[in-house]
N, C-alpha and C. Protein backbone atom coordinates (compact mmCIF):
# COMPACT_ATOMS: atom_id res chain seq x y z
N MET A 1 26.84 59.19 23.88
CA MET A 1 28.10 58.96 24.85
C MET A 1 28.51 57.58 25.42
N SER A 2 29.32 57.18 25.16
CA SER A 2 29.84 55.68 25.41
C SER A 2 30.49 55.57 26.67
N ASN A 3 29.77 54.53 27.65
CA ASN A 3 30.33 54.32 28.74
C ASN A 3 31.24 53.15 29.04
N VAL A 4 32.68 53.43 28.64
CA VAL A 4 33.65 52.72 28.74
C VAL A 4 34.05 51.81 29.91
N ILE A 5 34.28 50.74 30.29
CA ILE A 5 34.53 50.15 31.46
C ILE A 5 36.10 49.71 31.19
N ASN A 6 36.84 50.46 31.86
CA ASN A 6 38.28 49.99 32.10
C ASN A 6 38.46 48.70 33.24
N LEU A 7 38.78 47.61 32.51
CA LEU A 7 38.96 46.38 33.31
C LEU A 7 40.19 46.57 34.44
N ASP A 8 41.01 47.26 33.53
CA ASP A 8 42.36 47.59 34.55
C ASP A 8 42.15 47.91 35.72
N ASP A 9 41.09 48.81 35.81
CA ASP A 9 40.72 49.62 37.05
C ASP A 9 40.17 48.58 38.27
N VAL A 10 39.54 47.38 37.84
CA VAL A 10 38.70 46.85 38.91
C VAL A 10 39.14 45.54 38.57
N LEU A 11 39.85 44.86 37.78
CA LEU A 11 39.98 43.45 37.76
C LEU A 11 41.41 43.33 37.62
N ALA A 12 42.07 42.70 38.73
CA ALA A 12 43.53 42.22 38.91
C ALA A 12 43.67 40.86 38.42
N THR A 13 44.46 40.75 37.57
CA THR A 13 44.72 39.55 36.78
C THR A 13 46.11 38.89 37.03
N LYS A 14 46.82 39.50 38.11
CA LYS A 14 48.25 38.98 38.58
C LYS A 14 48.48 39.67 39.79
N GLN A 15 49.18 39.20 40.34
CA GLN A 15 50.00 39.47 41.86
C GLN A 15 51.55 39.33 41.61
N ASP A 16 52.10 40.44 42.00
CA ASP A 16 53.61 40.29 41.82
C ASP A 16 54.23 40.31 43.51
N LEU A 17 54.83 39.52 43.66
CA LEU A 17 55.43 39.29 45.04
C LEU A 17 57.18 39.39 45.08
N THR A 18 57.77 40.28 45.92
CA THR A 18 59.09 40.36 45.85
C THR A 18 59.65 40.05 46.98
N TYR A 19 60.77 39.40 46.93
CA TYR A 19 61.37 38.85 48.29
C TYR A 19 63.00 38.63 47.90
N LYS A 20 63.84 39.23 48.73
CA LYS A 20 65.21 39.45 48.39
C LYS A 20 65.59 39.85 47.24
N GLY A 21 64.93 40.96 46.63
CA GLY A 21 65.29 41.49 45.29
C GLY A 21 64.67 40.80 44.05
N LYS A 22 63.97 39.65 44.44
CA LYS A 22 63.77 38.83 43.13
C LYS A 22 62.18 39.20 42.93
N THR A 23 61.19 39.20 42.03
CA THR A 23 60.11 39.24 41.66
C THR A 23 59.33 38.14 41.31
N TYR A 24 58.51 37.67 42.00
CA TYR A 24 57.47 36.41 41.53
C TYR A 24 56.36 36.79 41.03
N THR A 25 55.99 36.76 39.93
CA THR A 25 54.68 36.88 39.25
C THR A 25 53.54 35.97 39.45
N PHE A 26 52.42 35.86 39.79
CA PHE A 26 51.39 34.92 39.69
C PHE A 26 50.22 35.30 38.79
N GLU A 27 49.82 34.63 37.86
CA GLU A 27 48.98 35.14 36.84
C GLU A 27 47.59 34.48 37.44
N PHE A 28 46.49 35.35 37.57
CA PHE A 28 45.40 34.88 38.00
C PHE A 28 44.53 34.28 36.71
N SER A 29 44.16 33.07 36.99
CA SER A 29 43.15 32.37 35.69
C SER A 29 42.35 31.29 36.43
N ASP A 30 41.56 30.81 35.63
CA ASP A 30 40.48 29.55 36.16
C ASP A 30 41.35 28.27 36.68
N LYS A 31 42.22 28.08 35.57
CA LYS A 31 43.42 26.83 35.84
C LYS A 31 44.35 27.18 37.07
N MET A 32 44.85 28.29 37.29
CA MET A 32 45.56 28.86 38.32
C MET A 32 44.40 28.63 39.52
N GLN A 33 43.50 29.40 39.69
CA GLN A 33 42.62 29.35 41.00
C GLN A 33 42.50 27.86 41.08
N GLN A 34 42.06 27.20 40.40
CA GLN A 34 41.77 25.65 40.68
C GLN A 34 43.08 24.87 41.36
N ALA A 35 44.20 25.14 40.56
CA ALA A 35 45.48 24.47 41.19
C ALA A 35 45.74 24.84 42.59
N LEU A 36 45.54 26.46 42.71
CA LEU A 36 45.88 27.04 44.23
C LEU A 36 44.85 26.41 45.00
N ASN A 37 43.56 26.11 44.69
CA ASN A 37 42.65 25.60 45.74
C ASN A 37 42.90 24.30 46.06
N ASP A 38 43.48 23.44 45.22
CA ASP A 38 43.54 22.12 45.18
C ASP A 38 44.96 22.04 46.09
N THR A 39 45.91 22.86 45.67
CA THR A 39 46.94 22.84 46.67
C THR A 39 47.02 23.07 48.18
N TRP A 40 46.21 24.05 48.12
CA TRP A 40 45.90 24.60 49.19
C TRP A 40 45.44 23.69 50.62
N VAL A 41 44.30 22.92 49.53
CA VAL A 41 43.35 22.01 50.52
C VAL A 41 44.42 20.74 50.71
N LYS A 42 45.29 19.99 49.68
CA LYS A 42 46.10 19.07 49.82
C LYS A 42 47.15 19.30 50.71
N ALA A 43 48.04 20.54 50.65
CA ALA A 43 48.81 20.82 51.67
C ALA A 43 48.54 21.07 53.08
N ASN A 44 47.29 21.37 53.14
CA ASN A 44 46.79 21.54 54.55
C ASN A 44 46.47 20.46 55.35
N ALA A 45 46.07 19.31 54.23
CA ALA A 45 45.59 18.19 54.67
C ALA A 45 46.52 17.40 55.26
N TYR A 46 47.89 17.29 54.30
CA TYR A 46 48.92 16.51 55.10
C TYR A 46 49.70 17.01 56.27
N ALA A 47 49.54 18.34 56.32
CA ALA A 47 50.24 19.15 57.92
C ALA A 47 49.14 18.64 58.96
N ASN A 48 47.83 18.72 58.52
CA ASN A 48 46.83 18.24 59.61
C ASN A 48 46.83 16.62 59.79
N GLN A 49 47.34 16.00 59.01
CA GLN A 49 47.16 14.34 59.10
C GLN A 49 48.09 14.12 60.25
N LEU A 50 48.95 14.88 60.80
CA LEU A 50 50.20 14.40 61.57
C LEU A 50 49.53 14.76 62.81
N THR A 51 48.55 15.60 63.06
CA THR A 51 47.93 16.18 64.46
C THR A 51 46.71 15.58 64.41
N ASP A 52 45.80 15.18 63.42
CA ASP A 52 44.43 14.72 63.62
C ASP A 52 44.25 13.41 63.49
N GLU A 53 45.15 12.39 63.30
CA GLU A 53 44.92 11.06 63.15
C GLU A 53 44.54 10.48 64.75
N GLU A 54 45.45 11.02 65.54
CA GLU A 54 45.02 10.41 67.03
C GLU A 54 44.03 11.00 67.56
N LYS A 55 43.71 12.22 67.32
CA LYS A 55 41.93 12.66 67.78
C LYS A 55 41.19 11.79 67.21
N ASN A 56 41.14 11.54 65.93
CA ASN A 56 39.83 10.76 65.04
C ASN A 56 39.97 9.42 65.32
N GLY A 57 40.87 8.68 65.89
CA GLY A 57 40.81 7.36 66.18
C GLY A 57 41.27 6.58 65.03
N SER A 58 41.81 7.09 64.05
CA SER A 58 42.36 6.74 62.81
C SER A 58 43.21 5.53 63.09
N LYS A 59 43.06 4.33 62.08
CA LYS A 59 44.07 3.18 62.41
C LYS A 59 45.34 3.60 62.20
N THR A 60 45.79 4.52 62.07
CA THR A 60 47.32 4.92 61.83
C THR A 60 47.58 5.66 63.47
N ALA A 61 46.73 5.79 64.06
CA ALA A 61 46.64 6.61 65.45
C ALA A 61 47.92 6.00 66.31
N ASP A 62 48.09 4.64 66.04
CA ASP A 62 48.94 3.90 66.73
C ASP A 62 50.38 4.31 66.28
N ILE A 63 50.77 5.18 65.56
CA ILE A 63 51.81 5.32 65.11
C ILE A 63 53.18 5.49 66.42
N ASP A 64 52.24 6.19 67.40
CA ASP A 64 53.20 6.73 68.72
C ASP A 64 53.80 5.12 69.33
N HIS A 65 52.69 4.03 68.93
CA HIS A 65 53.40 2.76 69.50
C HIS A 65 54.55 2.00 68.42
N LYS A 66 54.86 2.65 67.51
CA LYS A 66 55.90 1.85 66.55
C LYS A 66 57.05 2.38 66.95
N PRO A 67 58.17 1.70 66.51
CA PRO A 67 59.32 1.97 66.85
C PRO A 67 59.87 3.52 66.04
N VAL A 68 60.71 4.09 66.75
CA VAL A 68 61.09 5.49 66.40
C VAL A 68 61.17 5.72 65.44
N GLU A 69 62.23 4.93 64.39
CA GLU A 69 62.43 4.96 63.34
C GLU A 69 61.17 4.84 62.05
N GLN A 70 60.04 4.06 62.62
CA GLN A 70 58.93 3.97 61.74
C GLN A 70 58.18 5.37 62.12
N GLN A 71 58.01 5.96 63.11
CA GLN A 71 57.49 7.06 63.30
C GLN A 71 58.32 8.24 62.53
N LEU A 72 59.59 8.45 62.59
CA LEU A 72 60.06 9.41 61.85
C LEU A 72 59.90 9.37 60.59
N GLU A 73 59.68 7.93 59.93
CA GLU A 73 59.44 7.82 58.47
C GLU A 73 58.11 8.30 58.02
N TYR A 74 56.84 8.03 59.11
CA TYR A 74 55.62 8.58 58.61
C TYR A 74 55.60 10.05 58.67
N VAL A 75 56.28 10.31 59.84
CA VAL A 75 56.32 12.04 59.71
C VAL A 75 57.18 12.78 58.49
N ARG A 76 58.24 12.28 58.00
CA ARG A 76 59.04 12.73 56.96
C ARG A 76 58.48 12.32 55.94
N GLY A 77 57.69 11.35 55.51
CA GLY A 77 56.65 11.14 54.36
C GLY A 77 55.73 12.00 54.31
N ALA A 78 54.77 12.35 55.34
CA ALA A 78 53.75 13.38 55.12
C ALA A 78 54.33 14.59 55.10
N LEU A 79 55.60 15.23 55.43
CA LEU A 79 56.09 16.42 55.41
C LEU A 79 56.63 16.66 54.04
N ALA A 80 57.11 15.41 53.16
CA ALA A 80 57.58 15.61 52.06
C ALA A 80 56.71 15.59 50.92
N LYS A 81 55.45 14.85 51.26
CA LYS A 81 54.40 15.08 50.39
C LYS A 81 53.81 16.03 50.22
N GLN A 82 53.82 16.87 51.61
CA GLN A 82 53.19 18.49 51.50
C GLN A 82 54.09 19.35 50.81
N HIS A 83 55.55 19.16 50.96
CA HIS A 83 56.37 20.05 50.04
C HIS A 83 56.43 19.51 48.81
N GLU A 84 55.88 18.15 48.27
CA GLU A 84 55.98 18.01 46.86
C GLU A 84 54.82 18.82 46.23
N ILE A 85 53.71 18.77 46.87
CA ILE A 85 52.46 19.25 46.35
C ILE A 85 52.54 20.82 46.15
N ILE A 86 53.35 21.37 47.11
CA ILE A 86 53.41 22.91 47.00
C ILE A 86 54.24 23.26 45.94
N MET A 87 55.49 22.61 45.88
CA MET A 87 56.50 22.87 44.70
C MET A 87 55.90 22.69 43.30
N GLU A 88 55.08 21.55 43.38
CA GLU A 88 54.28 21.22 42.14
C GLU A 88 53.70 22.83 41.69
N PHE A 89 52.62 23.16 42.72
CA PHE A 89 51.74 24.48 42.27
C PHE A 89 52.98 25.81 41.97
N PHE A 90 54.14 25.99 42.76
CA PHE A 90 54.85 26.69 42.18
C PHE A 90 55.74 26.81 41.04
N ASP A 91 55.97 25.45 40.68
CA ASP A 91 56.68 25.05 39.21
C ASP A 91 55.82 25.32 38.15
N GLN A 92 54.68 25.01 38.35
CA GLN A 92 53.42 25.52 37.31
C GLN A 92 52.90 26.75 37.07
N THR A 93 52.99 27.51 38.46
CA THR A 93 52.62 28.94 37.98
C THR A 93 53.71 29.98 37.86
N ILE A 94 55.21 29.73 38.41
CA ILE A 94 56.22 30.73 38.11
C ILE A 94 57.32 29.88 37.43
N GLY A 95 57.00 28.85 37.28
CA GLY A 95 58.50 28.29 36.57
C GLY A 95 59.34 27.51 37.39
N GLU A 96 59.79 26.47 37.06
CA GLU A 96 60.80 25.71 38.18
C GLU A 96 61.91 26.22 38.78
N ASN A 97 62.58 27.37 37.79
CA ASN A 97 63.73 27.86 38.13
C ASN A 97 63.35 28.68 39.44
N LYS A 98 62.37 29.73 39.04
CA LYS A 98 61.84 30.52 40.05
C LYS A 98 61.42 29.73 41.48
N ALA A 99 60.68 28.88 41.20
CA ALA A 99 60.12 28.32 42.15
C ALA A 99 61.29 27.73 43.14
N ASN A 100 62.21 27.20 42.68
CA ASN A 100 63.58 26.43 43.43
C ASN A 100 64.39 27.72 44.03
N GLN A 101 64.37 29.09 43.36
CA GLN A 101 64.90 29.99 43.86
C GLN A 101 64.39 30.59 45.04
N LEU A 102 62.87 30.43 44.96
CA LEU A 102 62.15 31.05 46.08
C LEU A 102 62.31 29.90 47.29
N TYR A 103 62.49 29.00 46.77
CA TYR A 103 62.58 27.74 47.73
C TYR A 103 63.97 28.21 48.59
N ASN A 104 64.87 28.22 48.04
CA ASN A 104 66.25 28.43 48.25
C ASN A 104 66.21 29.93 49.22
N ASP A 105 65.55 31.01 48.68
CA ASP A 105 65.82 32.17 49.37
C ASP A 105 64.99 32.11 50.82
N LEU A 106 63.94 31.25 50.91
CA LEU A 106 63.34 30.84 52.02
C LEU A 106 64.47 30.18 53.12
N ASN A 107 65.46 29.82 52.82
CA ASN A 107 66.19 29.00 53.38
C ASN A 107 65.54 27.57 53.51
N GLN A 108 65.03 27.10 52.34
CA GLN A 108 64.80 25.95 52.01
C GLN A 108 63.42 25.73 53.15
N SER A 109 62.64 26.48 53.30
CA SER A 109 61.32 26.24 54.11
C SER A 109 60.24 25.98 53.84
N THR A 110 59.73 24.61 53.85
CA THR A 110 58.15 24.41 53.32
C THR A 110 57.19 25.34 53.85
N ASN A 111 57.41 25.57 54.94
CA ASN A 111 56.54 26.71 55.92
C ASN A 111 56.59 27.84 55.28
N GLY A 112 57.88 28.38 54.70
CA GLY A 112 58.07 29.54 54.06
C GLY A 112 56.98 29.46 52.73
N LEU A 113 57.22 28.46 52.00
CA LEU A 113 56.35 28.41 51.08
C LEU A 113 54.86 28.34 50.88
N MET A 114 54.57 27.63 52.15
CA MET A 114 52.98 27.56 52.51
C MET A 114 53.00 29.13 52.94
N PHE A 115 53.43 29.73 53.52
CA PHE A 115 53.09 31.39 53.99
C PHE A 115 52.90 31.79 52.66
N VAL A 116 53.70 32.00 51.45
CA VAL A 116 53.71 32.69 50.30
C VAL A 116 52.44 32.06 49.51
N LEU A 117 52.24 30.72 49.62
CA LEU A 117 51.06 30.05 49.29
C LEU A 117 49.70 31.07 49.48
N GLY A 118 49.65 31.03 50.91
CA GLY A 118 48.43 31.86 51.65
C GLY A 118 48.43 33.18 51.15
N LEU A 119 49.44 34.00 50.66
CA LEU A 119 49.64 35.23 50.20
C LEU A 119 49.07 35.37 48.80
N VAL A 120 49.30 34.35 48.19
CA VAL A 120 49.06 34.42 46.73
C VAL A 120 47.30 34.22 46.72
N LYS A 121 47.18 33.17 47.45
CA LYS A 121 45.56 32.75 47.74
C LYS A 121 44.71 33.98 48.12
N ARG A 122 45.44 34.66 48.95
CA ARG A 122 44.60 35.84 49.69
C ARG A 122 44.27 36.82 48.27
N ALA A 123 45.75 37.17 47.50
CA ALA A 123 45.63 38.03 46.57
C ALA A 123 44.33 37.57 45.62
N ALA A 124 44.56 36.28 45.26
CA ALA A 124 43.50 36.02 44.11
C ALA A 124 41.92 35.89 44.77
N ASP A 125 41.88 35.53 46.03
CA ASP A 125 40.67 35.73 46.41
C ASP A 125 40.12 37.19 46.54
N LYS A 126 41.02 38.29 46.66
CA LYS A 126 40.66 39.71 47.12
C LYS A 126 40.30 40.13 45.32
N ALA A 127 41.05 39.67 44.59
CA ALA A 127 40.72 40.16 42.98
C ALA A 127 39.42 39.51 42.72
N ILE A 128 39.11 38.62 43.22
CA ILE A 128 37.85 38.23 42.91
C ILE A 128 36.66 38.91 43.51
N LYS A 129 36.74 39.26 44.50
CA LYS A 129 35.95 39.96 45.47
C LYS A 129 35.64 41.54 45.00
N ASP A 130 37.00 42.01 44.85
CA ASP A 130 37.11 43.20 44.46
C ASP A 130 36.26 43.53 42.89
N ALA A 131 36.53 42.84 42.30
CA ALA A 131 35.80 42.85 40.76
C ALA A 131 34.12 42.41 40.92
N GLU A 132 33.91 41.70 41.95
CA GLU A 132 32.36 41.52 42.22
C GLU A 132 31.72 42.74 42.89
N THR A 133 32.63 43.43 43.68
CA THR A 133 32.07 44.53 44.21
C THR A 133 32.39 45.83 43.79
N ALA A 134 32.69 45.89 42.61
CA ALA A 134 33.31 47.28 41.86
C ALA A 134 31.92 47.88 41.49
N GLU A 135 32.22 49.38 41.28
CA GLU A 135 31.19 50.15 40.76
C GLU A 135 31.47 50.09 39.16
N TYR A 136 30.48 49.87 38.52
CA TYR A 136 30.77 49.78 37.18
C TYR A 136 29.70 50.77 36.24
N PRO A 137 30.02 51.71 35.28
CA PRO A 137 28.86 52.64 34.87
C PRO A 137 27.78 51.72 34.07
N ALA A 138 26.90 52.43 34.07
CA ALA A 138 25.40 51.85 33.40
C ALA A 138 25.49 51.40 32.08
N PHE A 139 25.08 50.27 31.83
CA PHE A 139 25.24 49.78 30.31
C PHE A 139 23.60 50.49 29.87
N ASP A 140 24.06 51.23 28.61
CA ASP A 140 22.71 51.68 27.79
C ASP A 140 22.50 51.19 26.62
N GLY A 141 22.67 49.65 26.58
CA GLY A 141 22.03 49.07 25.40
C GLY A 141 23.30 48.71 24.60
N ASN A 142 22.90 48.16 23.32
CA ASN A 142 23.78 47.80 22.37
C ASN A 142 23.85 48.99 21.26
N GLU A 143 24.03 50.23 21.58
CA GLU A 143 23.93 51.02 20.44
C GLU A 143 25.32 51.04 19.95
N ASP A 144 25.84 51.83 18.76
CA ASP A 144 27.03 51.70 18.15
C ASP A 144 27.97 52.48 18.92
N ASN A 145 27.58 53.35 19.71
CA ASN A 145 28.71 54.17 20.39
C ASN A 145 29.16 53.34 21.54
N ASP A 146 28.70 52.12 22.19
CA ASP A 146 28.90 51.33 23.30
C ASP A 146 30.28 50.62 22.99
């Protein structure tokens, strides 16, 4: 008697997210997981950069003492870089057209994209955890019926 393991029951390989009647499919792979983790870290780093530098005594902490236009340029630059990093991830995973459509459907909100990125990260992490904790039938050797 063969113990067949149906991986479809225990291993999620993609996540569909639907918004405003459109479906966005994120395929889970090692490459996607690495890109997701890199994007998550970098995007959060740029967001935190705006608040942490003063606390950490960074040499750019004196930005508050700069003229207003330089302050605005600094903030806009950090936010633009965060947006660029997030959009690059979506371009690579769901394609440029769908990434732009999602951004437009979110009223051109980088914070909205960051929220969706968080949902994708949570789904990818859950897929790995679920596969690790799933109950599998016992393996009875390399007999012909396995």
